[in-house]
Amino acid sequence: MDNGRYIWCRNCGAIHHVSAFDRSPVYAVAAGEVHEKEADDWRDFMNSHAGHRLEALQASGKSFFPQGLVFDPMNVAYVQVSNGEQTLLLRRSRSSIEEPFAYQIVEQNLLQSKVRLEIQAQAIRKEMQLHFSWAPAEPLTDEQISFFIAQFREVIQRIDAEALCATEYSDMDDQTSYSELPVQVIEELMDRCRGHFPSVQLTALREFVERHRDSSDVMALIKHSTVVLARSA
């Protein structure tokens, strides 16, 4: 896992990302044979900047991938970091897959618009229709499922999306994450359903919600945010 740690040389501006790959060996092909060479990128950086003023930087958790593909090894990324006193923005890039990432400080900021929430309506409907066992209750009809989904959509409109912690992140889009369904949302949702479902179905419905509320499941909330680059004042 990325620990979000960086070293910044204040003398020459060089930046090293401290990671688990610092000591990964380098492979080269010569005369048809693969040769392994030991490496220690962290040690090399420290030796190259011995006697320089070095500062530790820590990622804040805010990042931006202009192309949206988080795991594209050639994708440019912007990472917000801090030395404890000031916040900086790093641009990560490389010209070829064989080269390590290069980092440079840019005079820009990450601006985030208001976060919006969505529910996984299609996934919920599919799970209710095809996979969940409602016994001893009768399976929900299409009309009942549609009613439940409509109530769910209304309930999340009053949630403070900014205060909702992300517990799972999209592999494809760094501006999309997932949050475990809060208990208070479950209670309000069940209150709205009471009187519209027989008691045995209501019990089964609560079981469905509780079973699928984790951030990796269908009742998790989807958080969408829009991050843009803006020039520093």
Protein backbone atom coordinates (compact mmCIF):
# COMPACT_ATOMS: atom_id res chain seq x y z
CA MET A 1 0.00 0.00 0.00
CA ASP A 2 1.23 3.52 -0.79
CA ASN A 3 2.32 5.18 2.46
CA GLY A 4 2.10 8.67 0.95
CA ARG A 5 5.61 9.64 2.10
CA TYR A 6 7.95 11.87 0.08
CA ILE A 7 11.36 13.49 0.62
CA TRP A 8 11.90 17.01 -0.69
CA CYS A 9 15.37 18.44 -1.24
CA ARG A 10 15.11 22.16 -0.60
CA ASN A 11 18.51 22.79 -2.20
CA CYS A 12 17.72 21.51 -5.68
CA GLY A 13 13.98 20.80 -5.60
CA ALA A 14 14.30 17.05 -6.24
CA ILE A 15 11.55 14.86 -4.79
CA HIS A 16 11.66 11.15 -3.99
CA HIS A 17 8.57 9.04 -3.32
CA VAL A 18 9.33 6.59 -0.53
CA SER A 19 7.69 3.29 -1.43
CA ALA A 20 7.91 -0.48 -1.12
CA PHE A 21 9.49 -0.53 -4.60
CA ASP A 22 12.61 1.40 -3.55
CA ARG A 23 14.59 -1.82 -3.30
CA SER A 24 13.05 -3.62 -6.26
CA PRO A 25 15.83 -5.06 -8.48
CA VAL A 26 16.49 -3.80 -11.99
CA TYR A 27 16.48 -6.32 -14.84
CA ALA A 28 18.48 -6.05 -18.04
CA VAL A 29 18.76 -8.36 -21.04
CA ALA A 30 22.23 -9.02 -22.47
CA ALA A 31 23.24 -11.74 -24.92
CA GLY A 32 19.81 -13.28 -24.59
CA GLU A 33 20.05 -13.59 -20.80
CA VAL A 34 18.22 -11.67 -18.10
CA HIS A 35 20.46 -10.15 -15.46
CA GLU A 36 19.25 -8.90 -12.10
CA LYS A 37 20.85 -5.90 -10.45
CA GLU A 38 20.15 -4.89 -6.88
CA ALA A 39 18.78 -1.39 -6.32
CA ASP A 40 18.00 0.94 -3.43
CA ASP A 41 16.39 4.11 -4.76
CA TRP A 42 15.95 5.65 -1.31
CA ARG A 43 19.62 5.15 -0.43
CA ASP A 44 20.71 6.50 -3.81
CA PHE A 45 18.60 9.63 -3.29
CA MET A 46 19.96 10.18 0.21
CA ASN A 47 23.54 9.77 -0.97
CA SER A 48 23.00 12.13 -3.91
CA HIS A 49 21.62 14.83 -1.61
CA ALA A 50 23.92 14.29 1.36
CA GLY A 51 24.46 17.62 3.16
CA HIS A 52 21.38 19.15 1.56
CA ARG A 53 18.35 20.41 3.45
CA LEU A 54 15.78 17.62 3.27
CA GLU A 55 12.14 17.79 4.35
CA ALA A 56 9.56 15.06 4.79
CA LEU A 57 6.29 15.45 2.89
CA GLN A 58 3.08 13.54 3.57
CA ALA A 59 0.24 13.08 1.10
CA SER A 60 -3.03 14.64 2.27
CA GLY A 61 -5.18 12.06 0.50
CA LYS A 62 -6.27 14.44 -2.26
CA SER A 63 -5.17 13.54 -5.78
CA PHE A 64 -6.26 14.13 -9.36
CA PHE A 65 -5.85 11.98 -12.46
CA PRO A 66 -6.73 14.11 -15.53
CA GLN A 67 -7.51 11.04 -17.63
CA GLY A 68 -9.44 9.35 -14.81
CA LEU A 69 -7.63 5.99 -15.08
CA VAL A 70 -6.04 5.50 -11.68
CA PHE A 71 -3.94 2.44 -12.49
CA ASP A 72 -2.68 3.46 -15.92
CA PRO A 73 1.13 3.23 -15.42
CA MET A 74 1.68 6.14 -17.82
CA ASN A 75 -1.02 8.41 -16.43
CA VAL A 76 -0.10 11.88 -15.20
CA ALA A 77 -1.24 12.46 -11.63
CA TYR A 78 -1.39 15.41 -9.24
CA VAL A 79 -0.83 14.66 -5.55
CA GLN A 80 -1.41 17.11 -2.71
CA VAL A 81 1.22 16.92 0.04
CA SER A 82 2.23 18.89 3.13
CA ASN A 83 5.36 19.42 5.19
CA GLY A 84 3.25 20.33 8.21
CA GLU A 85 3.33 24.06 7.51
CA GLN A 86 2.48 24.50 3.86
CA THR A 87 0.49 22.53 1.31
CA LEU A 88 2.08 21.74 -2.04
CA LEU A 89 0.93 20.09 -5.24
CA LEU A 90 3.14 17.54 -6.98
CA ARG A 91 2.88 16.56 -10.64
CA ARG A 92 3.79 12.92 -11.25
CA SER A 93 4.81 11.82 -14.74
CA ARG A 94 7.22 9.73 -16.77
CA SER A 95 8.13 9.53 -20.44
CA SER A 96 8.33 5.73 -20.73
CA ILE A 97 7.26 2.64 -18.80
CA GLU A 98 10.91 1.75 -18.14
CA GLU A 99 11.57 4.99 -16.25
CA PRO A 100 10.59 5.71 -12.63
CA PHE A 101 8.02 8.40 -11.90
CA ALA A 102 9.36 11.94 -11.66
CA TYR A 103 7.79 14.46 -9.28
CA GLN A 104 7.84 18.23 -9.47
CA ILE A 105 6.12 20.99 -7.51
CA VAL A 106 3.60 22.98 -9.57
CA GLU A 107 2.04 26.36 -8.81
CA GLN A 108 -1.50 25.03 -8.84
CA ASN A 109 -4.20 23.91 -6.42
CA LEU A 110 -6.80 21.16 -6.40
CA LEU A 111 -10.34 22.52 -6.18
CA GLN A 112 -13.16 20.15 -5.38
CA SER A 113 -16.79 20.84 -6.11
CA LYS A 114 -19.61 19.73 -3.87
CA VAL A 115 -19.77 15.95 -3.52
CA ARG A 116 -22.95 14.23 -4.68
CA LEU A 117 -24.31 10.84 -3.64
CA GLU A 118 -25.94 8.12 -5.70
CA ILE A 119 -27.40 4.72 -4.97
CA GLN A 120 -26.71 1.56 -6.95
CA ALA A 121 -30.27 1.22 -8.22
CA GLN A 122 -29.67 -1.40 -10.93
CA ALA A 123 -27.47 -3.53 -8.70
CA ILE A 124 -30.02 -3.38 -5.87
CA ARG A 125 -32.85 -4.41 -8.19
CA LYS A 126 -30.82 -7.31 -9.62
CA GLU A 127 -29.81 -8.55 -6.17
CA MET A 128 -33.39 -8.39 -4.94
CA GLN A 129 -34.79 -10.19 -7.97
CA LEU A 130 -32.19 -12.86 -8.61
CA HIS A 131 -29.99 -13.59 -5.62
CA PHE A 132 -31.55 -12.75 -2.28
CA SER A 133 -33.63 -15.41 -0.50
CA TRP A 134 -36.78 -13.79 0.88
CA ALA A 135 -38.09 -16.91 2.60
CA PRO A 136 -40.26 -17.19 4.62
CA ALA A 137 -41.56 -13.94 3.09
CA GLU A 138 -42.83 -13.69 -0.47
CA PRO A 139 -40.33 -12.20 -2.95
CA LEU A 140 -40.84 -8.50 -3.59
CA THR A 141 -42.75 -7.52 -6.71
CA ASP A 142 -41.28 -5.13 -9.27
CA GLU A 143 -43.56 -2.42 -7.91
CA GLN A 144 -42.37 -2.98 -4.35
CA ILE A 145 -38.72 -2.89 -5.42
CA SER A 146 -39.33 0.34 -7.34
CA PHE A 147 -40.99 1.87 -4.27
CA PHE A 148 -38.05 0.87 -2.06
CA ILE A 149 -35.49 2.33 -4.49
CA ALA A 150 -37.47 5.58 -4.77
CA GLN A 151 -37.55 5.93 -0.98
CA PHE A 152 -33.84 5.19 -0.77
CA ARG A 153 -33.10 7.96 -3.30
CA GLU A 154 -35.11 10.45 -1.27
CA VAL A 155 -33.50 9.55 2.04
CA ILE A 156 -29.92 10.12 0.84
CA GLN A 157 -30.77 13.65 -0.34
CA ARG A 158 -30.50 14.84 3.27
CA ILE A 159 -27.10 13.24 3.97
CA ASP A 160 -24.07 15.48 4.30
CA ALA A 161 -21.95 13.91 1.57
CA GLU A 162 -18.84 15.84 2.63
CA ALA A 163 -18.97 14.28 6.11
CA LEU A 164 -19.47 10.74 4.83
CA CYS A 165 -16.20 8.80 4.96
CA ALA A 166 -15.13 6.87 1.88
CA THR A 167 -14.25 3.27 2.72
CA GLU A 168 -13.72 1.89 -0.79
CA TYR A 169 -12.33 3.52 -3.93
CA SER A 170 -13.01 2.95 -7.61
CA ASP A 171 -10.26 1.19 -9.56
CA MET A 172 -11.06 3.23 -12.66
CA ASP A 173 -11.98 6.72 -11.46
CA ASP A 174 -10.19 8.52 -8.63
CA GLN A 175 -13.19 10.83 -8.18
CA THR A 176 -15.56 7.98 -7.36
CA SER A 177 -15.65 6.20 -4.01
CA TYR A 178 -18.03 4.11 -1.91
CA SER A 179 -19.27 4.54 1.65
CA GLU A 180 -20.84 2.07 4.02
CA LEU A 181 -24.53 2.80 4.53
CA PRO A 182 -24.95 4.68 7.87
CA VAL A 183 -27.19 3.15 10.52
CA GLN A 184 -29.35 6.27 10.75
CA VAL A 185 -30.09 6.02 7.03
CA ILE A 186 -31.20 2.42 7.48
CA GLU A 187 -33.58 3.42 10.27
CA GLU A 188 -35.15 6.24 8.27
CA LEU A 189 -35.48 4.00 5.22
CA MET A 190 -37.21 1.26 7.22
CA ASP A 191 -39.56 3.84 8.81
CA ARG A 192 -40.58 4.93 5.31
CA CYS A 193 -41.25 1.33 4.30
CA ARG A 194 -43.32 0.53 7.37
CA GLY A 195 -46.99 0.42 6.40
CA HIS A 196 -46.16 -0.34 2.76
CA PHE A 197 -44.91 -3.90 3.32
CA PRO A 198 -46.33 -6.79 5.38
CA SER A 199 -44.39 -7.35 8.61
CA VAL A 200 -42.73 -10.54 7.39
CA GLN A 201 -41.50 -8.75 4.26
CA LEU A 202 -40.39 -5.77 6.31
CA THR A 203 -38.25 -8.09 8.45
CA ALA A 204 -36.73 -9.64 5.33
CA LEU A 205 -36.16 -6.19 3.84
CA ARG A 206 -34.20 -5.06 6.89
CA GLU A 207 -32.12 -8.24 6.66
CA PHE A 208 -31.39 -7.43 3.01
CA VAL A 209 -30.27 -3.89 3.85
CA GLU A 210 -28.11 -4.99 6.79
CA ARG A 211 -26.49 -7.80 4.81
CA HIS A 212 -25.58 -5.55 1.85
CA ARG A 213 -24.62 -2.25 3.56
CA ASP A 214 -20.82 -2.70 3.42
CA SER A 215 -18.83 -0.42 1.14
CA SER A 216 -18.21 -3.24 -1.34
CA ASP A 217 -21.87 -4.24 -1.60
CA VAL A 218 -25.00 -3.03 -3.38
CA MET A 219 -26.44 -0.87 -0.57
CA ALA A 220 -23.23 1.16 -0.29
CA LEU A 221 -23.50 4.79 -1.32
CA ILE A 222 -21.54 6.07 -4.31
CA LYS A 223 -19.71 9.38 -3.81
CA HIS A 224 -18.91 11.46 -6.89
CA SER A 225 -16.73 14.56 -6.75
CA THR A 226 -15.29 16.84 -9.39
CA VAL A 227 -11.69 17.95 -8.90
CA VAL A 228 -10.13 20.59 -11.14
CA LEU A 229 -6.71 22.25 -11.32
CA ALA A 230 -6.53 25.96 -10.61
CA ARG A 231 -3.58 28.31 -10.62
CA SER A 232 -2.34 29.41 -7.22
CA ALA A 233 -3.08 33.00 -6.27
